[in-house]
Amino acid sequence: MIRIIPRLDIKGPNLVKGINLEGLRVLGNPEDYVKFYYESGADELIFQDVVASLYGRNSLHEVISRMSKKMFVPITVGGGLRTLDDIKEVLRAGADKVTLNSAAIRNPKFIQESSMKFGSSTIAISIETIKYNGHYLAFVDNGREETGLDVVSWALKCQELGAGELLITSVDRDGTGKGYDLELLELITKAVSIPVVVNGGAGEFENLNKSVLIGASGLAIASGLHYFAFQHLEKISTTVNEGNTVFIKGGNCPKNILKYSISEVKSYLMSQGFECRI
């Protein structure tokens, strides 16, 4: 069963989207989009607090608490989770899973401790990577800080320590619509046996199809779904003058991004012989 997973990057009260995890533009109130995705058949939702590293904490508790009472799909939350208590708090707020990145790299034993306490199915590791001289290296702090870690070696270590899933993000492809990095995905899926969700650059349907053929168990999509939703939502609410609101005021969606609905993605994948929840 292939999962179609909208990824929502949250900054303060707003849904945002950038390119290469930078240059964030405000798209509106995340709750408007979540309702749209839930009604459109999203299999899961990923929420990422993109400024959590700046403040040393995840600030999505209230948002998650409100939405988990209305939307009955699994919710994954990431950003700024550094302790077992941090994980407990977001799970208590309504999250079903968490993604760990910076804290896991700086203290790999944290993966083992958290999976033992909350179960491996609750712990996903987010791996953000940039390709340098033919090698994929892991980054932290929303793609800002290089760690020197080889991505495949790190993925294997995460599996060994008890992670139940990997969320692989190509920083190079993020927000470009050029398609998932299939070379990266193949390296990871050949190395590990746990589920892999691919993220960063979702584009043409053929690229989505190839990602599933390679072994992705879930497709995390942001721009393609967000800009489709933006054009179809009757009303977009946002906090006035909060962040880069030029896009939302202008309302002109990027021409280079292929925009599609969740149902269109699922219909295409099913036409290729894959099983999706409808």
C-alpha atoms as a PDB file:
ATOM      1  CA  MET A   1       0.000   0.000   0.000  1.00  0.00           C
ATOM      2  CA  ILE A   2       1.619   3.231  -1.175  1.00  0.00           C
ATOM      3  CA  ARG A   3       1.105   6.183   1.152  1.00  0.00           C
ATOM      4  CA  ILE A   4       0.607   9.726  -0.159  1.00  0.00           C
ATOM      5  CA  ILE A   5       1.736  12.098   2.571  1.00  0.00           C
ATOM      6  CA  PRO A   6       1.416  15.888   2.461  1.00  0.00           C
ATOM      7  CA  ARG A   7       4.360  17.497   4.231  1.00  0.00           C
ATOM      8  CA  LEU A   8       3.600  20.763   5.989  1.00  0.00           C
ATOM      9  CA  ASP A   9       6.485  23.001   7.044  1.00  0.00           C
ATOM     10  CA  ILE A  10       5.321  25.298   9.815  1.00  0.00           C
ATOM     11  CA  LYS A  11       6.866  28.591  10.872  1.00  0.00           C
ATOM     12  CA  GLY A  12       5.044  30.329  13.710  1.00  0.00           C
ATOM     13  CA  PRO A  13       1.316  30.259  12.849  1.00  0.00           C
ATOM     14  CA  ASN A  14       1.739  29.716   9.122  1.00  0.00           C
ATOM     15  CA  LEU A  15       2.337  27.048   6.522  1.00  0.00           C
ATOM     16  CA  VAL A  16       5.473  27.926   4.571  1.00  0.00           C
ATOM     17  CA  LYS A  17       7.371  26.530   1.599  1.00  0.00           C
ATOM     18  CA  GLY A  18      10.871  27.205   0.392  1.00  0.00           C
ATOM     19  CA  ILE A  19      13.401  26.006  -2.148  1.00  0.00           C
ATOM     20  CA  ASN A  20      16.326  23.933  -0.863  1.00  0.00           C
ATOM     21  CA  LEU A  21      14.770  24.450   2.612  1.00  0.00           C
ATOM     22  CA  GLU A  22      15.422  28.214   2.331  1.00  0.00           C
ATOM     23  CA  GLY A  23      13.622  31.358   1.151  1.00  0.00           C
ATOM     24  CA  LEU A  24      10.402  30.453   2.902  1.00  0.00           C
ATOM     25  CA  ARG A  25       7.207  31.962   1.508  1.00  0.00           C
ATOM     26  CA  VAL A  26       4.002  32.042   3.528  1.00  0.00           C
ATOM     27  CA  LEU A  27       1.135  29.974   2.059  1.00  0.00           C
ATOM     28  CA  GLY A  28      -1.441  30.543   4.791  1.00  0.00           C
ATOM     29  CA  ASN A  29      -2.986  28.873   7.801  1.00  0.00           C
ATOM     30  CA  PRO A  30      -1.966  25.192   7.914  1.00  0.00           C
ATOM     31  CA  GLU A  31      -5.398  24.200   9.197  1.00  0.00           C
ATOM     32  CA  ASP A  32      -6.994  25.298   5.909  1.00  0.00           C
ATOM     33  CA  TYR A  33      -4.684  22.958   4.009  1.00  0.00           C
ATOM     34  CA  VAL A  34      -4.983  20.066   6.450  1.00  0.00           C
ATOM     35  CA  LYS A  35      -8.762  20.058   6.157  1.00  0.00           C
ATOM     36  CA  PHE A  36      -8.436  20.085   2.366  1.00  0.00           C
ATOM     37  CA  TYR A  37      -5.937  17.196   2.399  1.00  0.00           C
ATOM     38  CA  TYR A  38      -7.942  15.154   4.871  1.00  0.00           C
ATOM     39  CA  GLU A  39     -11.062  15.457   2.741  1.00  0.00           C
ATOM     40  CA  SER A  40      -8.982  14.638  -0.365  1.00  0.00           C
ATOM     41  CA  GLY A  41      -7.738  11.311   0.993  1.00  0.00           C
ATOM     42  CA  ALA A  42      -4.318  11.950   2.535  1.00  0.00           C
ATOM     43  CA  ASP A  43      -2.933   8.767   4.092  1.00  0.00           C
ATOM     44  CA  GLU A  44      -0.780  10.559   6.652  1.00  0.00           C
ATOM     45  CA  LEU A  45       0.409  14.077   7.440  1.00  0.00           C
ATOM     46  CA  ILE A  46       3.921  15.259   8.266  1.00  0.00           C
ATOM     47  CA  PHE A  47       4.342  18.467  10.261  1.00  0.00           C
ATOM     48  CA  GLN A  48       7.801  20.009  10.519  1.00  0.00           C
ATOM     49  CA  ASP A  49       8.557  22.955  12.801  1.00  0.00           C
ATOM     50  CA  VAL A  50      11.178  24.619  10.590  1.00  0.00           C
ATOM     51  CA  VAL A  51      12.431  27.073  13.222  1.00  0.00           C
ATOM     52  CA  ALA A  52      12.495  24.657  16.145  1.00  0.00           C
ATOM     53  CA  SER A  53      16.294  24.449  16.019  1.00  0.00           C
ATOM     54  CA  LEU A  54      16.512  28.193  16.609  1.00  0.00           C
ATOM     55  CA  TYR A  55      14.466  28.014  19.792  1.00  0.00           C
ATOM     56  CA  GLY A  56      15.436  24.554  20.998  1.00  0.00           C
ATOM     57  CA  ARG A  57      11.859  23.306  21.177  1.00  0.00           C
ATOM     58  CA  ASN A  58       8.924  22.176  19.053  1.00  0.00           C
ATOM     59  CA  SER A  59       6.040  24.647  19.137  1.00  0.00           C
ATOM     60  CA  LEU A  60       3.378  22.650  17.274  1.00  0.00           C
ATOM     61  CA  HIS A  61       1.569  21.214  20.306  1.00  0.00           C
ATOM     62  CA  GLU A  62      -1.518  23.416  20.067  1.00  0.00           C
ATOM     63  CA  VAL A  63      -1.821  23.018  16.294  1.00  0.00           C
ATOM     64  CA  ILE A  64      -1.484  19.245  16.520  1.00  0.00           C
ATOM     65  CA  SER A  65      -3.918  19.041  19.415  1.00  0.00           C
ATOM     66  CA  ARG A  66      -6.607  20.920  17.463  1.00  0.00           C
ATOM     67  CA  MET A  67      -6.151  19.043  14.218  1.00  0.00           C
ATOM     68  CA  SER A  68      -5.796  15.542  15.640  1.00  0.00           C
ATOM     69  CA  LYS A  69      -9.318  15.868  17.062  1.00  0.00           C
ATOM     70  CA  LYS A  70     -10.719  16.599  13.602  1.00  0.00           C
ATOM     71  CA  MET A  71      -8.500  14.611  11.239  1.00  0.00           C
ATOM     72  CA  PHE A  72      -8.372  10.850  11.690  1.00  0.00           C
ATOM     73  CA  VAL A  73      -5.175  10.060   9.814  1.00  0.00           C
ATOM     74  CA  PRO A  74      -1.726   9.367  11.303  1.00  0.00           C
ATOM     75  CA  ILE A  75       0.239  12.504  12.139  1.00  0.00           C
ATOM     76  CA  THR A  76       4.034  12.700  12.219  1.00  0.00           C
ATOM     77  CA  VAL A  77       5.723  15.637  13.929  1.00  0.00           C
ATOM     78  CA  GLY A  78       9.337  16.779  13.665  1.00  0.00           C
ATOM     79  CA  GLY A  79      11.579  19.641  14.673  1.00  0.00           C
ATOM     80  CA  GLY A  80      13.287  20.432  17.969  1.00  0.00           C
ATOM     81  CA  LEU A  81      12.620  17.068  19.664  1.00  0.00           C
ATOM     82  CA  ARG A  82      15.647  16.477  21.869  1.00  0.00           C
ATOM     83  CA  THR A  83      14.467  14.475  24.867  1.00  0.00           C
ATOM     84  CA  LEU A  84      12.098  11.653  25.737  1.00  0.00           C
ATOM     85  CA  ASP A  85       9.857  14.213  27.415  1.00  0.00           C
ATOM     86  CA  ASP A  86       9.733  16.227  24.170  1.00  0.00           C
ATOM     87  CA  ILE A  87       8.517  13.132  22.334  1.00  0.00           C
ATOM     88  CA  LYS A  88       6.000  12.329  25.062  1.00  0.00           C
ATOM     89  CA  GLU A  89       4.543  15.829  24.850  1.00  0.00           C
ATOM     90  CA  VAL A  90       3.911  15.770  21.092  1.00  0.00           C
ATOM     91  CA  LEU A  91       2.463  12.266  21.310  1.00  0.00           C
ATOM     92  CA  ARG A  92       0.209  13.439  24.111  1.00  0.00           C
ATOM     93  CA  ALA A  93      -0.873  16.353  21.903  1.00  0.00           C
ATOM     94  CA  GLY A  94      -2.065  13.897  19.254  1.00  0.00           C
ATOM     95  CA  ALA A  95       0.912  12.892  17.113  1.00  0.00           C
ATOM     96  CA  ASP A  96       1.240   9.231  16.136  1.00  0.00           C
ATOM     97  CA  LYS A  97       4.911   9.354  15.152  1.00  0.00           C
ATOM     98  CA  VAL A  98       7.884  11.683  15.461  1.00  0.00           C
ATOM     99  CA  THR A  99      10.867  12.371  13.240  1.00  0.00           C
ATOM    100  CA  LEU A 100      14.273  12.930  14.789  1.00  0.00           C
ATOM    101  CA  ASN A 101      17.259  14.468  13.062  1.00  0.00           C
ATOM    102  CA  SER A 102      19.665  16.784  14.888  1.00  0.00           C
ATOM    103  CA  ALA A 103      19.247  15.153  18.298  1.00  0.00           C
ATOM    104  CA  ALA A 104      19.708  11.678  16.821  1.00  0.00           C
ATOM    105  CA  ILE A 105      22.909  12.598  14.999  1.00  0.00           C
ATOM    106  CA  ARG A 106      24.385  14.335  18.026  1.00  0.00           C
ATOM    107  CA  ASN A 107      23.404  11.455  20.314  1.00  0.00           C
ATOM    108  CA  PRO A 108      22.673   8.238  18.366  1.00  0.00           C
ATOM    109  CA  LYS A 109      21.736   6.413  21.582  1.00  0.00           C
ATOM    110  CA  PHE A 110      18.680   8.664  21.671  1.00  0.00           C
ATOM    111  CA  ILE A 111      17.236   6.581  18.816  1.00  0.00           C
ATOM    112  CA  GLN A 112      17.569   3.407  20.850  1.00  0.00           C
ATOM    113  CA  GLU A 113      16.200   5.010  24.018  1.00  0.00           C
ATOM    114  CA  SER A 114      13.189   6.507  22.257  1.00  0.00           C
ATOM    115  CA  SER A 115      12.343   3.368  20.267  1.00  0.00           C
ATOM    116  CA  MET A 116      12.541   1.238  23.404  1.00  0.00           C
ATOM    117  CA  LYS A 117      10.267   3.605  25.318  1.00  0.00           C
ATOM    118  CA  PHE A 118       7.706   4.448  22.636  1.00  0.00           C
ATOM    119  CA  GLY A 119       8.102   1.589  20.144  1.00  0.00           C
ATOM    120  CA  SER A 120      10.055   1.575  16.901  1.00  0.00           C
ATOM    121  CA  SER A 121       6.918   2.258  14.841  1.00  0.00           C
ATOM    122  CA  THR A 122       6.681   5.631  16.603  1.00  0.00           C
ATOM    123  CA  ILE A 123      10.239   6.709  15.787  1.00  0.00           C
ATOM    124  CA  ALA A 124      11.195   7.842  12.295  1.00  0.00           C
ATOM    125  CA  ILE A 125      14.552   9.365  11.454  1.00  0.00           C
ATOM    126  CA  SER A 126      14.614  12.365   9.159  1.00  0.00           C
ATOM    127  CA  ILE A 127      17.733  12.407   6.994  1.00  0.00           C
ATOM    128  CA  GLU A 128      18.388  15.659   5.137  1.00  0.00           C
ATOM    129  CA  THR A 129      21.118  15.305   2.556  1.00  0.00           C
ATOM    130  CA  ILE A 130      23.137  17.322   0.040  1.00  0.00           C
ATOM    131  CA  LYS A 131      25.320  15.738  -2.620  1.00  0.00           C
ATOM    132  CA  TYR A 132      28.977  16.812  -2.558  1.00  0.00           C
ATOM    133  CA  ASN A 133      31.544  15.464  -5.043  1.00  0.00           C
ATOM    134  CA  GLY A 134      29.415  12.423  -5.743  1.00  0.00           C
ATOM    135  CA  HIS A 135      28.744  11.635  -2.079  1.00  0.00           C
ATOM    136  CA  TYR A 136      25.546  12.180  -0.104  1.00  0.00           C
ATOM    137  CA  LEU A 137      26.202  13.775   3.287  1.00  0.00           C
ATOM    138  CA  ALA A 138      23.742  14.191   6.166  1.00  0.00           C
ATOM    139  CA  PHE A 139      22.815  17.673   7.383  1.00  0.00           C
ATOM    140  CA  VAL A 140      21.052  19.024  10.475  1.00  0.00           C
ATOM    141  CA  ASP A 141      19.231  22.221  11.444  1.00  0.00           C
ATOM    142  CA  ASN A 142      16.922  22.157   8.422  1.00  0.00           C
ATOM    143  CA  GLY A 143      19.755  21.567   5.972  1.00  0.00           C
ATOM    144  CA  ARG A 144      22.020  24.301   7.312  1.00  0.00           C
ATOM    145  CA  GLU A 145      24.803  22.377   9.057  1.00  0.00           C
ATOM    146  CA  GLU A 146      26.915  19.614   7.543  1.00  0.00           C
ATOM    147  CA  THR A 147      27.697  16.643   9.776  1.00  0.00           C
ATOM    148  CA  GLY A 148      30.232  14.801   7.614  1.00  0.00           C
ATOM    149  CA  LEU A 149      28.177  11.621   7.940  1.00  0.00           C
ATOM    150  CA  ASP A 150      27.702   9.411   4.902  1.00  0.00           C
ATOM    151  CA  VAL A 151      23.962   9.047   4.361  1.00  0.00           C
ATOM    152  CA  VAL A 152      23.904   5.295   3.685  1.00  0.00           C
ATOM    153  CA  SER A 153      26.092   4.517   6.711  1.00  0.00           C
ATOM    154  CA  TRP A 154      23.888   6.721   8.860  1.00  0.00           C
ATOM    155  CA  ALA A 155      20.699   5.092   7.551  1.00  0.00           C
ATOM    156  CA  LEU A 156      22.050   1.661   8.459  1.00  0.00           C
ATOM    157  CA  LYS A 157      23.010   2.895  11.920  1.00  0.00           C
ATOM    158  CA  CYS A 158      19.516   4.303  12.478  1.00  0.00           C
ATOM    159  CA  GLN A 159      17.971   0.949  11.549  1.00  0.00           C
ATOM    160  CA  GLU A 160      20.381  -0.876  13.839  1.00  0.00           C
ATOM    161  CA  LEU A 161      19.445   1.397  16.761  1.00  0.00           C
ATOM    162  CA  GLY A 162      15.726   0.716  16.372  1.00  0.00           C
ATOM    163  CA  ALA A 163      14.266   3.365  14.064  1.00  0.00           C
ATOM    164  CA  GLY A 164      11.058   2.146  12.464  1.00  0.00           C
ATOM    165  CA  GLU A 165      11.117   4.349   9.376  1.00  0.00           C
ATOM    166  CA  LEU A 166      13.299   6.792   7.438  1.00  0.00           C
ATOM    167  CA  LEU A 167      12.229  10.112   5.905  1.00  0.00           C
ATOM    168  CA  ILE A 168      14.814  10.916   3.220  1.00  0.00           C
ATOM    169  CA  THR A 169      14.946  14.537   2.031  1.00  0.00           C
ATOM    170  CA  SER A 170      17.100  15.726  -0.843  1.00  0.00           C
ATOM    171  CA  VAL A 171      17.873  19.338   0.041  1.00  0.00           C
ATOM    172  CA  ASP A 172      19.131  19.824  -3.537  1.00  0.00           C
ATOM    173  CA  ARG A 173      15.704  18.896  -4.941  1.00  0.00           C
ATOM    174  CA  ASP A 174      13.463  20.450  -2.272  1.00  0.00           C
ATOM    175  CA  GLY A 175      10.932  22.876  -3.740  1.00  0.00           C
ATOM    176  CA  THR A 176      12.248  22.558  -7.295  1.00  0.00           C
ATOM    177  CA  GLY A 177       9.673  20.185  -8.768  1.00  0.00           C
ATOM    178  CA  LYS A 178      12.502  18.433 -10.653  1.00  0.00           C
ATOM    179  CA  GLY A 179      11.608  15.035  -9.247  1.00  0.00           C
ATOM    180  CA  TYR A 180      12.830  12.935  -6.351  1.00  0.00           C
ATOM    181  CA  ASP A 181      16.518  12.016  -6.360  1.00  0.00           C
ATOM    182  CA  LEU A 182      16.188   8.419  -7.563  1.00  0.00           C
ATOM    183  CA  GLU A 183      19.885   7.645  -7.131  1.00  0.00           C
ATOM    184  CA  LEU A 184      19.682   8.647  -3.477  1.00  0.00           C
ATOM    185  CA  LEU A 185      16.492   6.663  -2.950  1.00  0.00           C
ATOM    186  CA  GLU A 186      17.964   3.536  -4.512  1.00  0.00           C
ATOM    187  CA  LEU A 187      21.073   3.722  -2.339  1.00  0.00           C
ATOM    188  CA  ILE A 188      18.946   3.909   0.806  1.00  0.00           C
ATOM    189  CA  THR A 189      16.313   1.311  -0.079  1.00  0.00           C
ATOM    190  CA  LYS A 190      18.981  -1.223  -1.070  1.00  0.00           C
ATOM    191  CA  ALA A 191      20.769  -0.713   2.237  1.00  0.00           C
ATOM    192  CA  VAL A 192      17.895  -0.905   4.744  1.00  0.00           C
ATOM    193  CA  SER A 193      14.859  -3.099   5.287  1.00  0.00           C
ATOM    194  CA  ILE A 194      12.673  -0.597   7.174  1.00  0.00           C
ATOM    195  CA  PRO A 195      10.139   1.601   5.327  1.00  0.00           C
ATOM    196  CA  VAL A 196      11.519   4.616   3.473  1.00  0.00           C
ATOM    197  CA  VAL A 197       9.499   7.758   2.754  1.00  0.00           C
ATOM    198  CA  VAL A 198      11.013   9.908   0.023  1.00  0.00           C
ATOM    199  CA  ASN A 199      10.831  13.703   0.167  1.00  0.00           C
ATOM    200  CA  GLY A 200      12.178  16.672  -1.728  1.00  0.00           C
ATOM    201  CA  GLY A 201      11.360  17.638  -5.302  1.00  0.00           C
ATOM    202  CA  ALA A 202       8.231  15.616  -6.125  1.00  0.00           C
ATOM    203  CA  GLY A 203       7.523  16.305  -9.773  1.00  0.00           C
ATOM    204  CA  GLU A 204       6.272  14.448 -12.838  1.00  0.00           C
ATOM    205  CA  PHE A 205       4.085  11.394 -12.290  1.00  0.00           C
ATOM    206  CA  GLU A 206       6.663   9.194 -14.022  1.00  0.00           C
ATOM    207  CA  ASN A 207       9.192  10.164 -11.341  1.00  0.00           C
ATOM    208  CA  LEU A 208       6.690   9.260  -8.607  1.00  0.00           C
ATOM    209  CA  ASN A 209       6.134   5.915 -10.321  1.00  0.00           C
ATOM    210  CA  LYS A 210       9.877   5.200 -10.492  1.00  0.00           C
ATOM    211  CA  SER A 211      10.229   6.069  -6.809  1.00  0.00           C
ATOM    212  CA  VAL A 212       7.695   3.406  -5.881  1.00  0.00           C
ATOM    213  CA  LEU A 213       9.343   0.887  -8.201  1.00  0.00           C
ATOM    214  CA  ILE A 214      12.666   1.538  -6.486  1.00  0.00           C
ATOM    215  CA  GLY A 215      11.140   0.850  -3.099  1.00  0.00           C
ATOM    216  CA  ALA A 216       9.638   3.963  -1.514  1.00  0.00           C
ATOM    217  CA  SER A 217       6.767   3.006   0.788  1.00  0.00           C
ATOM    218  CA  GLY A 218       5.531   6.577   1.037  1.00  0.00           C
ATOM    219  CA  LEU A 219       5.695   9.737  -1.073  1.00  0.00           C
ATOM    220  CA  ALA A 220       5.972  12.958   0.926  1.00  0.00           C
ATOM    221  CA  ILE A 221       4.798  15.856  -1.228  1.00  0.00           C
ATOM    222  CA  ALA A 222       4.704  19.575  -0.459  1.00  0.00           C
ATOM    223  CA  SER A 223       4.818  22.081  -3.353  1.00  0.00           C
ATOM    224  CA  GLY A 224       2.725  20.113  -5.852  1.00  0.00           C
ATOM    225  CA  LEU A 225      -0.084  19.597  -3.353  1.00  0.00           C
ATOM    226  CA  HIS A 226       0.195  22.990  -1.646  1.00  0.00           C
ATOM    227  CA  TYR A 227      -0.044  25.030  -4.842  1.00  0.00           C
ATOM    228  CA  PHE A 228      -2.931  22.891  -6.095  1.00  0.00           C
ATOM    229  CA  ALA A 229      -4.712  23.435  -2.780  1.00  0.00           C
ATOM    230  CA  PHE A 230      -3.941  27.160  -2.881  1.00  0.00           C
ATOM    231  CA  GLN A 231      -5.776  27.439  -6.189  1.00  0.00           C
ATOM    232  CA  HIS A 232      -8.792  25.447  -4.985  1.00  0.00           C
ATOM    233  CA  LEU A 233      -9.343  26.629  -1.438  1.00  0.00           C
ATOM    234  CA  GLU A 234     -12.164  29.153  -1.245  1.00  0.00           C
ATOM    235  CA  LYS A 235     -10.397  31.129   1.442  1.00  0.00           C
ATOM    236  CA  ILE A 236      -6.789  31.256   2.617  1.00  0.00           C
ATOM    237  CA  SER A 237      -6.227  32.776   6.038  1.00  0.00           C
ATOM    238  CA  THR A 238      -2.878  33.961   7.331  1.00  0.00           C
ATOM    239  CA  THR A 239      -1.395  36.118  10.028  1.00  0.00           C
ATOM    240  CA  VAL A 240      -1.148  39.632   8.615  1.00  0.00           C
ATOM    241  CA  ASN A 241       2.450  40.718   7.920  1.00  0.00           C
ATOM    242  CA  GLU A 242       3.854  37.488   9.377  1.00  0.00           C
ATOM    243  CA  GLY A 243       6.928  36.528   7.367  1.00  0.00           C
ATOM    244  CA  ASN A 244       7.236  36.609   3.561  1.00  0.00           C
ATOM    245  CA  THR A 245       3.604  37.145   2.555  1.00  0.00           C
ATOM    246  CA  VAL A 246       4.336  38.467  -0.960  1.00  0.00           C
ATOM    247  CA  PHE A 247       3.255  35.185  -2.545  1.00  0.00           C
ATOM    248  CA  ILE A 248      -0.058  34.872  -0.756  1.00  0.00           C
ATOM    249  CA  LYS A 249      -0.938  38.501  -1.501  1.00  0.00           C
ATOM    250  CA  GLY A 250      -0.081  38.091  -5.173  1.00  0.00           C
ATOM    251  CA  GLY A 251      -1.617  34.649  -5.575  1.00  0.00           C
ATOM    252  CA  ASN A 252       0.565  33.672  -8.530  1.00  0.00           C
ATOM    253  CA  CYS A 253       1.637  30.033  -8.252  1.00  0.00           C
ATOM    254  CA  PRO A 254       5.083  29.056  -9.583  1.00  0.00           C
ATOM    255  CA  LYS A 255       4.879  27.954 -13.215  1.00  0.00           C
ATOM    256  CA  ASN A 256       7.675  25.397 -12.892  1.00  0.00           C
ATOM    257  CA  ILE A 257       5.829  23.309 -10.287  1.00  0.00           C
ATOM    258  CA  LEU A 258       3.478  20.584 -11.478  1.00  0.00           C
ATOM    259  CA  LYS A 259       0.332  20.956  -9.389  1.00  0.00           C
ATOM    260  CA  TYR A 260      -1.861  17.984  -8.591  1.00  0.00           C
ATOM    261  CA  SER A 261      -4.400  16.629  -6.141  1.00  0.00           C
ATOM    262  CA  ILE A 262      -3.984  13.595  -3.924  1.00  0.00           C
ATOM    263  CA  SER A 263      -6.658  11.760  -5.901  1.00  0.00           C
ATOM    264  CA  GLU A 264      -4.823  12.426  -9.165  1.00  0.00           C
ATOM    265  CA  VAL A 265      -1.606  10.990  -7.745  1.00  0.00           C
ATOM    266  CA  LYS A 266      -3.392   7.908  -6.445  1.00  0.00           C
ATOM    267  CA  SER A 267      -5.312   7.373  -9.672  1.00  0.00           C
ATOM    268  CA  TYR A 268      -2.082   7.470 -11.646  1.00  0.00           C
ATOM    269  CA  LEU A 269      -0.269   5.058  -9.333  1.00  0.00           C
ATOM    270  CA  MET A 270      -3.202   2.642  -9.379  1.00  0.00           C
ATOM    271  CA  SER A 271      -3.188   2.778 -13.192  1.00  0.00           C
ATOM    272  CA  GLN A 272       0.421   1.572 -12.946  1.00  0.00           C
ATOM    273  CA  GLY A 273      -0.631  -1.394 -10.840  1.00  0.00           C
ATOM    274  CA  PHE A 274       0.139  -0.083  -7.350  1.00  0.00           C
ATOM    275  CA  GLU A 275      -2.227  -0.332  -4.412  1.00  0.00           C
ATOM    276  CA  CYS A 276      -3.423   2.892  -2.795  1.00  0.00           C
ATOM    277  CA  ARG A 277      -6.066   3.602  -0.189  1.00  0.00           C
ATOM    278  CA  ILE A 278      -9.084   5.313  -1.738  1.00  0.00           C
END
